[in-house]
Protein backbone atom coordinates (compact mmCIF):
# COMPACT_ATOMS: atom_id res chain seq x y z
CA UNK A 1 172.06 245.57 177.37
CA UNK A 2 175.40 243.82 177.71
CA UNK A 3 176.69 240.65 176.12
CA UNK A 4 177.92 238.03 178.60
CA UNK A 5 179.85 234.92 177.60
CA UNK A 6 178.93 232.35 180.24
CA UNK A 7 180.92 229.32 179.11
CA UNK A 8 184.53 229.98 180.18
CA UNK A 9 185.85 227.56 177.52
CA UNK A 10 184.50 229.81 174.74
CA UNK A 11 186.57 232.87 175.73
CA UNK A 12 189.72 232.24 173.67
CA UNK A 13 187.86 230.73 170.70
CA UNK A 14 187.06 232.65 167.52
CA UNK A 15 183.41 233.54 166.96
CA UNK A 16 183.67 232.73 163.24
CA UNK A 17 186.44 233.09 160.66
CA UNK A 18 184.38 235.70 158.79
CA UNK A 19 183.60 237.86 161.85
CA UNK A 20 186.22 240.59 162.21
CA UNK A 21 186.55 243.92 163.98
CA UNK A 22 187.09 247.26 162.24
CA UNK A 23 190.85 246.61 161.99
CA UNK A 24 190.32 243.24 160.27
CA UNK A 25 191.27 241.19 163.34
CA UNK A 26 189.23 238.05 163.97
CA UNK A 27 186.97 238.36 167.01
CA UNK A 28 187.09 235.94 169.93
CA UNK A 29 184.24 235.38 172.35
CA UNK A 30 186.25 237.06 175.12
CA UNK A 31 186.34 240.21 172.97
CA UNK A 32 182.54 240.35 173.12
CA UNK A 33 182.15 239.70 176.84
CA UNK A 34 180.89 242.81 178.61
CA UNK A 35 180.31 244.81 175.44
CA UNK A 36 177.04 246.59 174.76
CA UNK A 37 174.72 244.89 172.29
CA UNK A 38 174.22 247.16 169.28
CA UNK A 39 171.78 246.89 166.40
CA UNK A 40 172.28 248.19 162.88
CA UNK A 41 168.62 249.29 162.65
CA UNK A 42 165.76 250.10 165.00
CA UNK A 43 164.33 246.59 164.47
CA UNK A 44 165.01 244.18 167.33
CA UNK A 45 163.41 241.27 169.17
CA UNK A 46 160.93 241.87 171.98
CA UNK A 47 162.28 242.48 175.48
CA UNK A 48 160.80 239.16 176.65
CA UNK A 49 162.66 237.28 173.88
CA UNK A 50 165.94 238.56 175.31
CA UNK A 51 164.79 237.78 178.85
CA UNK A 52 163.82 234.23 177.83
CA UNK A 53 167.19 233.59 176.19
CA UNK A 54 169.06 235.05 179.17
CA UNK A 55 167.00 233.02 181.66
CA UNK A 56 167.63 229.75 179.80
CA UNK A 57 171.34 230.48 179.43
CA UNK A 58 171.79 231.46 183.08
CA UNK A 59 169.92 228.43 184.40
CA UNK A 60 171.83 226.10 182.08
CA UNK A 61 175.14 227.78 182.97
CA UNK A 62 174.37 227.58 186.66
CA UNK A 63 173.67 223.87 186.27
CA UNK A 64 177.05 223.54 184.52
CA UNK A 65 178.64 225.60 187.34
CA UNK A 66 179.95 228.31 185.03
CA UNK A 67 181.09 231.14 187.33
CA UNK A 68 179.53 233.98 185.32
CA UNK A 69 176.12 232.26 185.36
CA UNK A 70 176.04 232.34 189.15
CA UNK A 71 176.76 236.09 189.39
CA UNK A 72 174.22 237.38 186.85
CA UNK A 73 170.44 237.45 186.84
CA UNK A 74 167.57 238.59 184.65
CA UNK A 75 166.07 241.78 186.10
CA UNK A 76 162.36 241.49 186.94
CA UNK A 77 161.43 244.40 184.64
CA UNK A 78 162.59 242.30 181.67
CA UNK A 79 159.49 240.16 182.14
CA UNK A 80 157.07 242.98 182.92
CA UNK A 81 153.98 242.57 180.81
CA UNK A 82 150.27 242.22 181.36
CA UNK A 83 150.38 238.87 179.56
CA UNK A 84 153.36 237.34 181.38
CA UNK A 85 152.31 234.97 184.17
CA UNK A 86 155.32 234.53 186.48
CA UNK A 87 154.04 231.25 187.93
CA UNK A 88 153.73 229.67 184.47
CA UNK A 89 157.15 231.05 183.53
CA UNK A 90 158.77 229.49 186.62
CA UNK A 91 157.11 226.11 185.98
CA UNK A 92 158.27 226.22 182.34
CA UNK A 93 161.88 226.96 183.26
CA UNK A 94 161.84 224.36 186.00
CA UNK A 95 160.63 221.73 183.55
CA UNK A 96 163.10 222.86 180.89
CA UNK A 97 166.06 222.65 183.24
CA UNK A 98 164.93 219.22 184.37
CA UNK A 99 164.96 218.04 180.77
CA UNK A 100 168.37 219.54 180.04
CA UNK A 101 170.13 218.41 183.22
CA UNK A 102 171.71 215.55 181.29
CA UNK A 103 172.69 217.74 178.33
CA UNK A 104 176.35 218.17 177.55
CA UNK A 105 178.21 221.05 175.97
CA UNK A 106 180.10 220.00 172.84
CA UNK A 107 183.83 220.64 172.79
CA UNK A 108 184.31 223.07 169.92
CA UNK A 109 187.50 223.36 167.92
CA UNK A 110 188.54 226.87 166.77
CA UNK A 111 187.53 226.10 163.17
CA UNK A 112 184.09 224.60 163.92
CA UNK A 113 181.35 225.92 161.64
CA UNK A 114 178.95 227.25 164.28
CA UNK A 115 176.19 227.84 161.72
CA UNK A 116 176.27 224.16 160.69
CA UNK A 117 176.40 223.10 164.34
CA UNK A 118 173.36 225.19 165.25
CA UNK A 119 171.42 223.96 162.22
CA UNK A 120 172.13 220.36 163.23
CA UNK A 121 170.57 220.84 166.69
């Protein structure tokens, strides 16, 4: 599973002042793009949680006309489950995108506290 940074404006920005690579260099979003997601333990979210996040991000990014969002998709096997109704899923995402069509992406400065920003949403 790869990490994809969809918003092109995020590329040169630092992830967080405290997040550094093994050499001590601060990490930018563009450093993460295309890397493989790794976990420190065997614990991780369910496959459908990742698929849901990816689907929302890709649909939002496509609406914003971010180039990467138009070239990627969520593979069908990500949703495979006896309890996943594809018709309900499509209606949900259609409704969600209709609600967020007026949403705007905040312009972030390099020193923005992303944790505080996310908590304020």
